[in-house]
Amino acid sequence: MYVGRKMTTDLITVTPDTPLAKARDLLREKNIKQLPIVDKQGSLVGILTDRDIKQAWASPATTLSIYELTYVLQKLTVESVMVKELITISPGATIERAASVMHDRKIGSLPVVEGDKLVGIITSNDLMEVLLDGLGIKEESGRLVVLVKDGIGVLADVCTLLKDANISIVSMITLPLHQYPDIHELVMRVTSGKRDAAVDCLTQAGYKVITEYKKDLEPYLPTQ
């Protein structure tokens, strides 16, 4: 999946000359964490977060009276506080790439740009929705896990076994078990009411199936 398929395009933006107080009120009113800043041509020129505003609000407080502080803050514009060194992504980037950038940079969202034009924003909530969709959690289904050795044909074998047993796979994802080299955790969801049949089918074929949390995975490791 690509960023352009999941990004939000109904954007709330402000211009650099917007009063900081107005931007603060907008963040509160819309219950959002950041505001993209665009110029008159729609080009992205900065980002303003609620943290930036809080820092600006607090910075002169120790030297000014409450009246002086209010006056100063009313005169401040978004341009004086916004972050200008931007981390962005394109709509053609993969969701995995967006997740990696957000994880590495420890940020909760990314502006999406084409050239220098702002076309959307993608957030950690959007990525979580992709994960939940991929795991099939939103559908009625039964969950099971099989630990498999990395190799050609393993997924095909599991899928064929379930197909021959007339069991539909709702979702499937593989995750590496880093403590066990070359072993992957195959997490599946099958049609609701078919989990027990899937467990029996795979067990009879020699797979060790996990249907609940196991602290010790050693007994479930593949033997060949």
N, C-alpha and C. Protein backbone atom coordinates (compact mmCIF):
# COMPACT_ATOMS: atom_id res chain seq x y z
N MET A 1 0.84 -1.19 0.00
CA MET A 1 0.00 0.00 0.00
C MET A 1 0.88 1.25 0.00
N TYR A 2 0.37 2.29 -0.60
CA TYR A 2 1.12 3.53 -0.73
C TYR A 2 0.52 4.64 0.13
N VAL A 3 1.37 5.59 0.48
CA VAL A 3 0.95 6.70 1.33
C VAL A 3 -0.25 7.43 0.75
N GLY A 4 -0.26 7.60 -0.58
CA GLY A 4 -1.35 8.32 -1.23
C GLY A 4 -2.71 7.68 -1.05
N ARG A 5 -2.73 6.38 -0.73
CA ARG A 5 -3.99 5.67 -0.53
C ARG A 5 -4.56 5.87 0.87
N LYS A 6 -3.70 6.22 1.84
CA LYS A 6 -4.13 6.31 3.24
C LYS A 6 -4.05 7.73 3.81
N MET A 7 -3.39 8.63 3.11
CA MET A 7 -3.20 9.98 3.67
C MET A 7 -4.52 10.73 3.78
N THR A 8 -4.57 11.67 4.70
CA THR A 8 -5.71 12.57 4.84
C THR A 8 -5.50 13.76 3.91
N THR A 9 -6.50 14.06 3.12
CA THR A 9 -6.38 15.18 2.17
C THR A 9 -7.24 16.38 2.57
N ASP A 10 -8.14 16.17 3.52
CA ASP A 10 -8.96 17.28 4.02
C ASP A 10 -8.17 17.99 5.12
N LEU A 11 -7.31 18.89 4.71
CA LEU A 11 -6.30 19.44 5.60
C LEU A 11 -6.71 20.77 6.24
N ILE A 12 -6.23 20.96 7.44
CA ILE A 12 -6.36 22.24 8.13
C ILE A 12 -4.99 22.89 8.11
N THR A 13 -4.88 24.02 7.45
CA THR A 13 -3.59 24.70 7.31
C THR A 13 -3.73 26.17 7.71
N VAL A 14 -2.58 26.80 7.94
CA VAL A 14 -2.55 28.24 8.16
C VAL A 14 -1.37 28.82 7.38
N THR A 15 -1.34 30.13 7.27
CA THR A 15 -0.26 30.81 6.58
C THR A 15 0.75 31.35 7.60
N PRO A 16 1.96 31.70 7.15
CA PRO A 16 2.99 32.16 8.09
C PRO A 16 2.61 33.40 8.89
N ASP A 17 1.73 34.23 8.35
CA ASP A 17 1.38 35.47 9.04
C ASP A 17 0.19 35.30 10.01
N THR A 18 -0.25 34.07 10.21
CA THR A 18 -1.35 33.81 11.15
C THR A 18 -0.89 34.11 12.57
N PRO A 19 -1.67 34.82 13.35
CA PRO A 19 -1.29 35.06 14.76
C PRO A 19 -1.15 33.74 15.51
N LEU A 20 -0.14 33.67 16.36
CA LEU A 20 0.11 32.45 17.10
C LEU A 20 -1.08 32.07 17.99
N ALA A 21 -1.73 33.07 18.56
CA ALA A 21 -2.89 32.81 19.41
C ALA A 21 -4.00 32.14 18.62
N LYS A 22 -4.19 32.56 17.37
CA LYS A 22 -5.22 31.95 16.53
C LYS A 22 -4.87 30.51 16.20
N ALA A 23 -3.58 30.25 15.92
CA ALA A 23 -3.14 28.89 15.64
C ALA A 23 -3.34 27.99 16.85
N ARG A 24 -3.04 28.52 18.02
CA ARG A 24 -3.24 27.76 19.26
C ARG A 24 -4.71 27.38 19.43
N ASP A 25 -5.59 28.34 19.20
CA ASP A 25 -7.02 28.08 19.34
C ASP A 25 -7.50 27.06 18.31
N LEU A 26 -6.92 27.10 17.13
CA LEU A 26 -7.31 26.17 16.07
C LEU A 26 -6.90 24.73 16.43
N LEU A 27 -5.71 24.59 16.98
CA LEU A 27 -5.26 23.27 17.42
C LEU A 27 -6.20 22.70 18.48
N ARG A 28 -6.61 23.54 19.40
CA ARG A 28 -7.51 23.10 20.46
C ARG A 28 -8.89 22.76 19.92
N GLU A 29 -9.39 23.64 19.06
CA GLU A 29 -10.75 23.48 18.53
C GLU A 29 -10.86 22.21 17.69
N LYS A 30 -9.86 21.94 16.87
CA LYS A 30 -9.89 20.79 15.97
C LYS A 30 -9.30 19.53 16.60
N ASN A 31 -8.75 19.67 17.82
CA ASN A 31 -8.16 18.54 18.55
C ASN A 31 -7.09 17.84 17.71
N ILE A 32 -6.16 18.65 17.20
CA ILE A 32 -5.06 18.13 16.40
C ILE A 32 -3.73 18.53 17.04
N LYS A 33 -2.67 17.83 16.64
CA LYS A 33 -1.36 18.03 17.26
C LYS A 33 -0.45 18.97 16.47
N GLN A 34 -0.74 19.15 15.20
CA GLN A 34 0.13 20.00 14.40
C GLN A 34 -0.62 20.66 13.26
N LEU A 35 -0.05 21.76 12.79
CA LEU A 35 -0.62 22.51 11.67
C LEU A 35 0.43 22.66 10.58
N PRO A 36 0.13 22.23 9.37
CA PRO A 36 1.02 22.56 8.25
C PRO A 36 0.89 24.05 7.91
N ILE A 37 2.01 24.67 7.58
CA ILE A 37 2.04 26.08 7.22
C ILE A 37 2.31 26.17 5.72
N VAL A 38 1.42 26.83 5.00
CA VAL A 38 1.57 26.93 3.55
C VAL A 38 1.57 28.40 3.13
N ASP A 39 2.25 28.67 2.01
CA ASP A 39 2.23 30.04 1.49
C ASP A 39 1.03 30.21 0.54
N LYS A 40 0.94 31.34 -0.10
CA LYS A 40 -0.21 31.64 -0.95
C LYS A 40 -0.31 30.71 -2.15
N GLN A 41 0.80 30.09 -2.54
CA GLN A 41 0.79 29.17 -3.67
C GLN A 41 0.49 27.73 -3.24
N GLY A 42 0.29 27.51 -1.95
CA GLY A 42 0.00 26.17 -1.46
C GLY A 42 1.24 25.33 -1.19
N SER A 43 2.42 25.97 -1.23
CA SER A 43 3.65 25.25 -0.95
C SER A 43 3.86 25.13 0.55
N LEU A 44 4.33 24.00 0.99
CA LEU A 44 4.59 23.77 2.41
C LEU A 44 5.86 24.52 2.81
N VAL A 45 5.75 25.37 3.83
CA VAL A 45 6.90 26.15 4.27
C VAL A 45 7.26 25.91 5.73
N GLY A 46 6.42 25.18 6.45
CA GLY A 46 6.72 24.93 7.86
C GLY A 46 5.67 24.06 8.51
N ILE A 47 5.97 23.68 9.75
CA ILE A 47 5.06 22.88 10.58
C ILE A 47 5.01 23.51 11.96
N LEU A 48 3.83 23.59 12.52
CA LEU A 48 3.66 24.11 13.87
C LEU A 48 2.98 23.03 14.72
N THR A 49 3.60 22.68 15.84
CA THR A 49 3.02 21.68 16.73
C THR A 49 2.54 22.34 18.02
N ASP A 50 1.74 21.62 18.76
CA ASP A 50 1.28 22.15 20.04
C ASP A 50 2.45 22.35 20.99
N ARG A 51 3.50 21.53 20.85
CA ARG A 51 4.69 21.69 21.70
C ARG A 51 5.42 22.99 21.38
N ASP A 52 5.50 23.34 20.08
CA ASP A 52 6.14 24.61 19.69
C ASP A 52 5.41 25.79 20.33
N ILE A 53 4.10 25.72 20.32
CA ILE A 53 3.30 26.81 20.89
C ILE A 53 3.51 26.90 22.40
N LYS A 54 3.51 25.75 23.07
CA LYS A 54 3.71 25.76 24.53
C LYS A 54 5.07 26.34 24.90
N GLN A 55 6.10 26.02 24.10
CA GLN A 55 7.43 26.57 24.37
C GLN A 55 7.46 28.08 24.15
N ALA A 56 6.79 28.54 23.10
CA ALA A 56 6.74 29.99 22.83
C ALA A 56 5.97 30.70 23.93
N TRP A 57 4.92 30.08 24.41
CA TRP A 57 4.10 30.68 25.46
C TRP A 57 4.88 30.81 26.77
N ALA A 58 5.75 29.83 27.02
CA ALA A 58 6.45 29.81 28.31
C ALA A 58 7.73 30.63 28.30
N SER A 59 8.35 30.81 27.14
CA SER A 59 9.70 31.36 27.10
C SER A 59 9.88 32.73 27.74
N PRO A 60 8.97 33.70 27.55
CA PRO A 60 9.22 35.01 28.16
C PRO A 60 8.57 35.19 29.53
N ALA A 61 7.96 34.13 30.07
CA ALA A 61 7.10 34.29 31.24
C ALA A 61 7.84 34.73 32.49
N THR A 62 9.12 34.44 32.57
CA THR A 62 9.85 34.77 33.79
C THR A 62 10.31 36.22 33.83
N THR A 63 10.26 36.92 32.71
CA THR A 63 10.78 38.28 32.66
C THR A 63 9.71 39.33 32.40
N LEU A 64 8.50 38.91 32.00
CA LEU A 64 7.45 39.85 31.67
C LEU A 64 6.27 39.71 32.63
N SER A 65 5.58 40.82 32.81
CA SER A 65 4.34 40.75 33.58
C SER A 65 3.28 40.06 32.74
N ILE A 66 2.17 39.69 33.36
CA ILE A 66 1.11 39.00 32.63
C ILE A 66 0.56 39.87 31.51
N TYR A 67 0.51 41.19 31.73
CA TYR A 67 0.00 42.09 30.70
C TYR A 67 0.98 42.22 29.54
N GLU A 68 2.26 42.31 29.88
CA GLU A 68 3.29 42.39 28.83
C GLU A 68 3.33 41.09 28.04
N LEU A 69 3.21 39.98 28.76
CA LEU A 69 3.24 38.66 28.10
C LEU A 69 2.08 38.52 27.12
N THR A 70 0.90 38.91 27.55
CA THR A 70 -0.27 38.83 26.68
C THR A 70 -0.07 39.68 25.42
N TYR A 71 0.48 40.87 25.60
CA TYR A 71 0.71 41.76 24.47
C TYR A 71 1.71 41.15 23.48
N VAL A 72 2.81 40.62 24.01
CA VAL A 72 3.84 40.03 23.15
C VAL A 72 3.29 38.85 22.37
N LEU A 73 2.55 37.99 23.05
CA LEU A 73 2.05 36.79 22.40
C LEU A 73 1.00 37.11 21.34
N GLN A 74 0.27 38.16 21.54
CA GLN A 74 -0.71 38.57 20.54
C GLN A 74 -0.03 39.08 19.28
N LYS A 75 1.19 39.55 19.40
CA LYS A 75 1.91 40.08 18.25
C LYS A 75 2.69 38.99 17.50
N LEU A 76 2.94 37.87 18.17
CA LEU A 76 3.70 36.80 17.53
C LEU A 76 2.90 36.16 16.41
N THR A 77 3.60 35.79 15.34
CA THR A 77 2.96 35.06 14.24
C THR A 77 3.51 33.64 14.17
N VAL A 78 2.82 32.83 13.44
CA VAL A 78 3.23 31.44 13.26
C VAL A 78 4.65 31.35 12.71
N GLU A 79 5.01 32.26 11.81
CA GLU A 79 6.33 32.21 11.16
C GLU A 79 7.48 32.28 12.15
N SER A 80 7.28 32.97 13.27
CA SER A 80 8.36 33.13 14.24
C SER A 80 8.60 31.88 15.07
N VAL A 81 7.68 30.94 15.03
CA VAL A 81 7.77 29.75 15.88
C VAL A 81 7.84 28.45 15.08
N MET A 82 7.29 28.43 13.89
CA MET A 82 7.17 27.20 13.11
C MET A 82 8.52 26.54 12.83
N VAL A 83 8.49 25.24 12.66
CA VAL A 83 9.67 24.47 12.29
C VAL A 83 9.83 24.53 10.77
N LYS A 84 11.00 24.96 10.32
CA LYS A 84 11.21 25.13 8.89
C LYS A 84 12.01 24.00 8.26
N GLU A 85 12.71 23.23 9.11
CA GLU A 85 13.44 22.05 8.60
C GLU A 85 12.47 20.88 8.59
N LEU A 86 11.93 20.61 7.42
CA LEU A 86 10.79 19.70 7.30
C LEU A 86 11.20 18.27 6.94
N ILE A 87 10.48 17.34 7.53
CA ILE A 87 10.59 15.93 7.17
C ILE A 87 9.29 15.58 6.46
N THR A 88 9.37 15.26 5.18
CA THR A 88 8.17 15.01 4.39
C THR A 88 8.28 13.67 3.67
N ILE A 89 7.21 13.30 3.02
CA ILE A 89 7.19 12.07 2.23
C ILE A 89 6.29 12.29 1.03
N SER A 90 6.46 11.49 0.00
CA SER A 90 5.66 11.64 -1.22
C SER A 90 4.49 10.65 -1.19
N PRO A 91 3.42 10.94 -1.94
CA PRO A 91 2.29 10.02 -1.98
C PRO A 91 2.64 8.67 -2.59
N GLY A 92 3.73 8.62 -3.36
CA GLY A 92 4.14 7.37 -3.98
C GLY A 92 5.02 6.50 -3.10
N ALA A 93 5.35 6.98 -1.91
CA ALA A 93 6.15 6.18 -0.98
C ALA A 93 5.27 5.08 -0.37
N THR A 94 5.89 4.00 0.04
CA THR A 94 5.13 2.91 0.65
C THR A 94 4.77 3.23 2.10
N ILE A 95 3.74 2.59 2.58
CA ILE A 95 3.35 2.74 3.97
C ILE A 95 4.49 2.29 4.89
N GLU A 96 5.21 1.24 4.47
CA GLU A 96 6.33 0.76 5.29
C GLU A 96 7.41 1.82 5.43
N ARG A 97 7.65 2.54 4.34
CA ARG A 97 8.66 3.60 4.37
C ARG A 97 8.23 4.71 5.32
N ALA A 98 6.96 5.10 5.24
CA ALA A 98 6.44 6.14 6.13
C ALA A 98 6.58 5.71 7.59
N ALA A 99 6.24 4.47 7.88
CA ALA A 99 6.34 3.96 9.24
C ALA A 99 7.78 3.98 9.72
N SER A 100 8.71 3.62 8.84
CA SER A 100 10.12 3.60 9.20
C SER A 100 10.63 5.00 9.51
N VAL A 101 10.26 5.97 8.67
CA VAL A 101 10.69 7.36 8.90
C VAL A 101 10.13 7.88 10.22
N MET A 102 8.86 7.66 10.46
CA MET A 102 8.22 8.15 11.68
C MET A 102 8.82 7.49 12.92
N HIS A 103 9.14 6.22 12.81
CA HIS A 103 9.75 5.51 13.93
C HIS A 103 11.15 6.02 14.20
N ASP A 104 11.95 6.15 13.15
CA ASP A 104 13.34 6.58 13.32
C ASP A 104 13.44 8.02 13.81
N ARG A 105 12.55 8.87 13.33
CA ARG A 105 12.58 10.29 13.70
C ARG A 105 11.76 10.59 14.96
N LYS A 106 11.05 9.57 15.45
CA LYS A 106 10.22 9.73 16.66
C LYS A 106 9.20 10.86 16.49
N ILE A 107 8.47 10.80 15.38
CA ILE A 107 7.42 11.77 15.09
C ILE A 107 6.11 11.04 14.84
N GLY A 108 5.00 11.77 15.03
CA GLY A 108 3.69 11.13 14.93
C GLY A 108 2.97 11.32 13.61
N SER A 109 3.57 12.11 12.70
CA SER A 109 2.92 12.33 11.42
C SER A 109 3.93 12.86 10.40
N LEU A 110 3.55 12.78 9.14
CA LEU A 110 4.39 13.26 8.05
C LEU A 110 3.55 14.04 7.05
N PRO A 111 3.95 15.27 6.72
CA PRO A 111 3.29 15.97 5.61
C PRO A 111 3.62 15.23 4.30
N VAL A 112 2.63 15.16 3.43
CA VAL A 112 2.82 14.50 2.14
C VAL A 112 2.87 15.59 1.06
N VAL A 113 3.94 15.58 0.28
CA VAL A 113 4.12 16.63 -0.72
C VAL A 113 4.42 16.05 -2.09
N GLU A 114 3.96 16.77 -3.10
CA GLU A 114 4.34 16.51 -4.49
C GLU A 114 5.08 17.75 -4.96
N GLY A 115 6.37 17.60 -5.23
CA GLY A 115 7.20 18.77 -5.46
C GLY A 115 7.30 19.50 -4.14
N ASP A 116 6.83 20.74 -4.09
CA ASP A 116 6.78 21.45 -2.81
C ASP A 116 5.34 21.73 -2.39
N LYS A 117 4.37 21.14 -3.11
CA LYS A 117 2.96 21.35 -2.82
C LYS A 117 2.47 20.35 -1.77
N LEU A 118 1.81 20.86 -0.76
CA LEU A 118 1.23 19.99 0.26
C LEU A 118 -0.03 19.34 -0.29
N VAL A 119 -0.08 17.99 -0.27
CA VAL A 119 -1.24 17.28 -0.80
C VAL A 119 -1.93 16.41 0.24
N GLY A 120 -1.31 16.26 1.40
CA GLY A 120 -1.93 15.43 2.43
C GLY A 120 -1.07 15.31 3.66
N ILE A 121 -1.52 14.51 4.58
CA ILE A 121 -0.75 14.21 5.79
C ILE A 121 -1.06 12.79 6.19
N ILE A 122 -0.06 12.08 6.68
CA ILE A 122 -0.27 10.72 7.16
C ILE A 122 0.21 10.64 8.60
N THR A 123 -0.57 10.00 9.45
CA THR A 123 -0.29 9.98 10.88
C THR A 123 -0.08 8.56 11.38
N SER A 124 0.37 8.47 12.62
CA SER A 124 0.55 7.15 13.24
C SER A 124 -0.78 6.42 13.35
N ASN A 125 -1.87 7.15 13.51
CA ASN A 125 -3.19 6.52 13.54
C ASN A 125 -3.54 5.87 12.21
N ASP A 126 -3.14 6.51 11.11
CA ASP A 126 -3.36 5.92 9.79
C ASP A 126 -2.58 4.62 9.65
N LEU A 127 -1.35 4.62 10.15
CA LEU A 127 -0.51 3.41 10.06
C LEU A 127 -1.10 2.30 10.93
N MET A 128 -1.63 2.66 12.09
CA MET A 128 -2.25 1.66 12.96
C MET A 128 -3.46 1.03 12.27
N GLU A 129 -4.21 1.84 11.55
CA GLU A 129 -5.37 1.31 10.83
C GLU A 129 -4.95 0.32 9.75
N VAL A 130 -3.84 0.62 9.07
CA VAL A 130 -3.32 -0.31 8.06
C VAL A 130 -2.93 -1.63 8.72
N LEU A 131 -2.27 -1.54 9.88
CA LEU A 131 -1.87 -2.75 10.59
C LEU A 131 -3.07 -3.59 11.00
N LEU A 132 -4.08 -2.93 11.54
CA LEU A 132 -5.28 -3.65 11.98
C LEU A 132 -6.00 -4.29 10.80
N ASP A 133 -6.05 -3.58 9.68
CA ASP A 133 -6.66 -4.15 8.47
C ASP A 133 -5.87 -5.37 8.01
N GLY A 134 -4.53 -5.23 8.01
CA GLY A 134 -3.68 -6.31 7.56
C GLY A 134 -3.78 -7.55 8.44
N LEU A 135 -4.01 -7.34 9.72
CA LEU A 135 -4.14 -8.45 10.65
C LEU A 135 -5.55 -9.03 10.67
N GLY A 136 -6.47 -8.38 9.98
CA GLY A 136 -7.83 -8.89 9.93
C GLY A 136 -8.59 -8.74 11.23
N ILE A 137 -8.14 -7.85 12.09
CA ILE A 137 -8.73 -7.73 13.43
C ILE A 137 -10.15 -7.19 13.38
N LYS A 138 -10.50 -6.50 12.30
CA LYS A 138 -11.82 -5.87 12.23
C LYS A 138 -12.92 -6.84 11.79
N GLU A 139 -12.52 -8.05 11.40
CA GLU A 139 -13.50 -9.03 10.95
C GLU A 139 -13.63 -10.15 11.99
N GLU A 140 -14.80 -10.79 12.00
CA GLU A 140 -15.00 -11.95 12.86
C GLU A 140 -14.12 -13.08 12.35
N SER A 141 -13.21 -13.53 13.18
CA SER A 141 -12.26 -14.54 12.72
C SER A 141 -11.60 -15.23 13.91
N GLY A 142 -10.91 -16.32 13.61
CA GLY A 142 -10.16 -17.05 14.64
C GLY A 142 -8.68 -16.92 14.39
N ARG A 143 -7.91 -16.66 15.45
CA ARG A 143 -6.47 -16.40 15.32
C ARG A 143 -5.65 -17.62 15.71
N LEU A 144 -4.62 -17.90 14.94
CA LEU A 144 -3.68 -18.96 15.28
C LEU A 144 -2.29 -18.61 14.78
N VAL A 145 -1.30 -19.20 15.41
CA VAL A 145 0.10 -18.90 15.09
C VAL A 145 0.85 -20.21 14.87
N VAL A 146 1.69 -20.21 13.85
CA VAL A 146 2.58 -21.34 13.59
C VAL A 146 3.99 -20.80 13.43
N LEU A 147 4.96 -21.42 14.11
CA LEU A 147 6.36 -21.05 13.93
C LEU A 147 6.92 -21.91 12.81
N VAL A 148 7.48 -21.25 11.81
CA VAL A 148 7.97 -21.97 10.64
C VAL A 148 9.41 -21.57 10.35
N LYS A 149 10.11 -22.49 9.73
CA LYS A 149 11.48 -22.22 9.30
C LYS A 149 11.43 -21.50 7.96
N ASP A 150 12.27 -20.48 7.82
CA ASP A 150 12.31 -19.71 6.58
C ASP A 150 12.73 -20.63 5.44
N GLY A 151 11.92 -20.66 4.41
CA GLY A 151 12.25 -21.52 3.29
C GLY A 151 11.22 -21.42 2.18
N ILE A 152 11.61 -21.82 0.99
CA ILE A 152 10.72 -21.77 -0.16
C ILE A 152 9.59 -22.80 -0.01
N GLY A 153 8.37 -22.34 -0.23
CA GLY A 153 7.24 -23.25 -0.24
C GLY A 153 6.50 -23.42 1.07
N VAL A 154 7.02 -22.81 2.15
CA VAL A 154 6.37 -23.00 3.46
C VAL A 154 4.97 -22.37 3.45
N LEU A 155 4.86 -21.12 3.01
CA LEU A 155 3.57 -20.46 2.98
C LEU A 155 2.60 -21.19 2.04
N ALA A 156 3.12 -21.63 0.91
CA ALA A 156 2.28 -22.35 -0.05
C ALA A 156 1.74 -23.63 0.57
N ASP A 157 2.57 -24.32 1.35
CA ASP A 157 2.14 -25.56 1.98
C ASP A 157 1.01 -25.31 2.98
N VAL A 158 1.20 -24.30 3.83
CA VAL A 158 0.17 -23.98 4.82
C VAL A 158 -1.13 -23.57 4.13
N CYS A 159 -1.02 -22.73 3.13
CA CYS A 159 -2.23 -22.27 2.42
C CYS A 159 -2.94 -23.43 1.73
N THR A 160 -2.16 -24.33 1.14
CA THR A 160 -2.76 -25.48 0.45
C THR A 160 -3.48 -26.40 1.42
N LEU A 161 -2.87 -26.63 2.59
CA LEU A 161 -3.51 -27.47 3.60
C LEU A 161 -4.87 -26.90 4.01
N LEU A 162 -4.91 -25.61 4.25
CA LEU A 162 -6.17 -24.99 4.66
C LEU A 162 -7.18 -24.94 3.51
N LYS A 163 -6.69 -24.71 2.31
CA LYS A 163 -7.57 -24.71 1.14
C LYS A 163 -8.23 -26.07 0.96
N ASP A 164 -7.42 -27.12 1.06
CA ASP A 164 -7.97 -28.48 0.87
C ASP A 164 -8.96 -28.84 1.97
N ALA A 165 -8.81 -28.19 3.14
CA ALA A 165 -9.76 -28.43 4.24
C ALA A 165 -10.95 -27.48 4.17
N ASN A 166 -11.03 -26.70 3.09
CA ASN A 166 -12.13 -25.75 2.87
C ASN A 166 -12.18 -24.68 3.97
N ILE A 167 -11.00 -24.22 4.37
CA ILE A 167 -10.89 -23.18 5.40
C ILE A 167 -10.33 -21.92 4.75
N SER A 168 -11.07 -20.83 4.87
CA SER A 168 -10.67 -19.57 4.25
C SER A 168 -9.76 -18.77 5.19
N ILE A 169 -8.67 -18.26 4.64
CA ILE A 169 -7.74 -17.41 5.40
C ILE A 169 -8.19 -15.97 5.26
N VAL A 170 -8.49 -15.33 6.39
CA VAL A 170 -8.92 -13.93 6.40
C VAL A 170 -7.72 -13.01 6.26
N SER A 171 -6.63 -13.33 6.97
CA SER A 171 -5.42 -12.52 6.90
C SER A 171 -4.22 -13.38 7.28
N MET A 172 -3.05 -12.93 6.84
CA MET A 172 -1.81 -13.65 7.16
C MET A 172 -0.65 -12.67 7.17
N ILE A 173 0.20 -12.79 8.17
CA ILE A 173 1.38 -11.94 8.25
C ILE A 173 2.52 -12.76 8.84
N THR A 174 3.74 -12.52 8.37
CA THR A 174 4.90 -13.22 8.92
C THR A 174 5.79 -12.23 9.64
N LEU A 175 6.26 -12.64 10.81
CA LEU A 175 7.12 -11.80 11.63
C LEU A 175 8.35 -12.60 12.03
N PRO A 176 9.55 -12.03 11.87
CA PRO A 176 10.75 -12.76 12.27
C PRO A 176 10.86 -12.87 13.78
N LEU A 177 11.29 -14.02 14.26
CA LEU A 177 11.59 -14.20 15.68
C LEU A 177 13.10 -14.00 15.83
N HIS A 178 13.49 -12.81 16.26
CA HIS A 178 14.90 -12.45 16.25
C HIS A 178 15.74 -13.31 17.19
N GLN A 179 15.12 -13.86 18.22
CA GLN A 179 15.89 -14.71 19.14
C GLN A 179 16.15 -16.10 18.56
N TYR A 180 15.44 -16.42 17.47
CA TYR A 180 15.63 -17.71 16.81
C TYR A 180 15.91 -17.45 15.32
N PRO A 181 17.17 -17.45 14.91
CA PRO A 181 17.52 -17.18 13.51
C PRO A 181 16.79 -18.12 12.55
N ASP A 182 16.32 -17.55 11.46
CA ASP A 182 15.64 -18.30 10.39
C ASP A 182 14.26 -18.83 10.78
N ILE A 183 13.74 -18.41 11.92
CA ILE A 183 12.40 -18.83 12.33
C ILE A 183 11.46 -17.63 12.24
N HIS A 184 10.30 -17.86 11.65
CA HIS A 184 9.30 -16.82 11.52
C HIS A 184 8.01 -17.22 12.22
N GLU A 185 7.34 -16.21 12.71
CA GLU A 185 6.03 -16.41 13.33
C GLU A 185 4.97 -16.12 12.27
N LEU A 186 4.24 -17.14 11.89
CA LEU A 186 3.19 -17.01 10.88
C LEU A 186 1.86 -16.82 11.61
N VAL A 187 1.35 -15.59 11.57
CA VAL A 187 0.13 -15.25 12.28
C VAL A 187 -1.02 -15.23 11.28
N MET A 188 -2.04 -16.03 11.55
CA MET A 188 -3.16 -16.15 10.62
C MET A 188 -4.48 -15.92 11.32
N ARG A 189 -5.43 -15.45 10.56
CA ARG A 189 -6.82 -15.43 10.99
C ARG A 189 -7.63 -16.17 9.94
N VAL A 190 -8.47 -17.06 10.41
CA VAL A 190 -9.31 -17.85 9.52
C VAL A 190 -10.77 -17.53 9.79
N THR A 191 -11.63 -17.94 8.89
CA THR A 191 -13.05 -17.67 9.01
C THR A 191 -13.56 -18.04 10.40
N SER A 192 -14.41 -17.17 10.93
CA SER A 192 -14.96 -17.41 12.26
C SER A 192 -15.61 -18.79 12.35
N GLY A 193 -15.29 -19.51 13.44
CA GLY A 193 -15.84 -20.84 13.63
C GLY A 193 -15.00 -21.94 13.03
N LYS A 194 -13.94 -21.57 12.30
CA LYS A 194 -13.10 -22.57 11.63
C LYS A 194 -11.74 -22.75 12.29
N ARG A 195 -11.50 -22.05 13.41
CA ARG A 195 -10.16 -22.11 14.00
C ARG A 195 -9.81 -23.52 14.46
N ASP A 196 -10.71 -24.18 15.14
CA ASP A 196 -10.40 -25.53 15.64
C ASP A 196 -10.11 -26.48 14.49
N ALA A 197 -10.86 -26.35 13.41
CA ALA A 197 -10.62 -27.19 12.24
C ALA A 197 -9.26 -26.89 11.63
N ALA A 198 -8.88 -25.60 11.62
CA ALA A 198 -7.57 -25.22 11.09
C ALA A 198 -6.45 -25.77 11.95
N VAL A 199 -6.64 -25.72 13.27
CA VAL A 199 -5.64 -26.26 14.19
C VAL A 199 -5.46 -27.76 13.94
N ASP A 200 -6.56 -28.49 13.82
CA ASP A 200 -6.49 -29.94 13.58
C ASP A 200 -5.80 -30.23 12.26
N CYS A 201 -6.16 -29.46 11.23
CA CYS A 201 -5.59 -29.67 9.90
C CYS A 201 -4.08 -29.49 9.91
N LEU A 202 -3.61 -28.41 10.50
CA LEU A 202 -2.18 -28.12 10.51
C LEU A 202 -1.42 -29.06 11.45
N THR A 203 -2.03 -29.41 12.55
CA THR A 203 -1.39 -30.33 13.50
C THR A 203 -1.17 -31.69 12.87
N GLN A 204 -2.18 -32.17 12.16
CA GLN A 204 -2.06 -33.46 11.49
C GLN A 204 -0.95 -33.46 10.43
N ALA A 205 -0.68 -32.27 9.89
CA ALA A 205 0.38 -32.15 8.87
C ALA A 205 1.75 -31.96 9.50
N GLY A 206 1.82 -31.92 10.84
CA GLY A 206 3.11 -31.82 11.51
C GLY A 206 3.46 -30.45 12.04
N TYR A 207 2.58 -29.48 11.85
CA TYR A 207 2.85 -28.14 12.37
C TYR A 207 2.40 -28.04 13.84
N LYS A 208 3.13 -27.25 14.60
CA LYS A 208 2.77 -27.01 16.00
C LYS A 208 2.07 -25.65 16.08
N VAL A 209 0.81 -25.68 16.47
CA VAL A 209 -0.04 -24.50 16.40
C VAL A 209 -0.21 -23.87 17.79
N ILE A 210 -0.12 -22.55 17.83
CA ILE A 210 -0.29 -21.80 19.08
C ILE A 210 -1.58 -20.98 18.97
N THR A 211 -2.43 -21.09 19.99
CA THR A 211 -3.69 -20.34 19.98
C THR A 211 -3.81 -19.39 21.17
N GLU A 212 -2.79 -19.34 22.01
CA GLU A 212 -2.80 -18.42 23.15
C GLU A 212 -1.36 -18.07 23.50
N TYR A 213 -1.19 -17.09 24.39
CA TYR A 213 0.17 -16.65 24.76
C TYR A 213 0.97 -17.79 25.37
N LYS A 214 2.20 -17.95 24.89
CA LYS A 214 3.13 -18.92 25.43
C LYS A 214 4.44 -18.21 25.77
N LYS A 215 4.82 -18.27 27.03
CA LYS A 215 6.06 -17.62 27.44
C LYS A 215 7.27 -18.32 26.83
N ASP A 216 7.23 -19.64 26.81
CA ASP A 216 8.33 -20.44 26.28
C ASP A 216 7.93 -20.97 24.90
N LEU A 217 8.66 -20.55 23.87
CA LEU A 217 8.33 -20.98 22.51
C LEU A 217 9.12 -22.21 22.06
N GLU A 218 10.06 -22.64 22.87
CA GLU A 218 10.91 -23.78 22.50
C GLU A 218 10.10 -25.00 22.05
N PRO A 219 9.05 -25.37 22.78
CA PRO A 219 8.30 -26.58 22.36
C PRO A 219 7.59 -26.43 21.03
N TYR A 220 7.47 -25.19 20.53
CA TYR A 220 6.71 -24.95 19.31
C TYR A 220 7.61 -24.67 18.10
N LEU A 221 8.92 -24.73 18.31
CA LEU A 221 9.84 -24.51 17.21
C LEU A 221 9.76 -25.66 16.22
N PRO A 222 9.87 -25.38 14.91
CA PRO A 222 9.84 -26.47 13.92
C PRO A 222 11.06 -27.38 14.09
N THR A 223 10.86 -28.65 13.89
CA THR A 223 11.95 -29.62 14.09
C THR A 223 12.72 -29.86 12.81
N GLN A 224 12.17 -29.41 11.69
CA GLN A 224 12.90 -29.60 10.42
C GLN A 224 12.62 -28.46 9.47
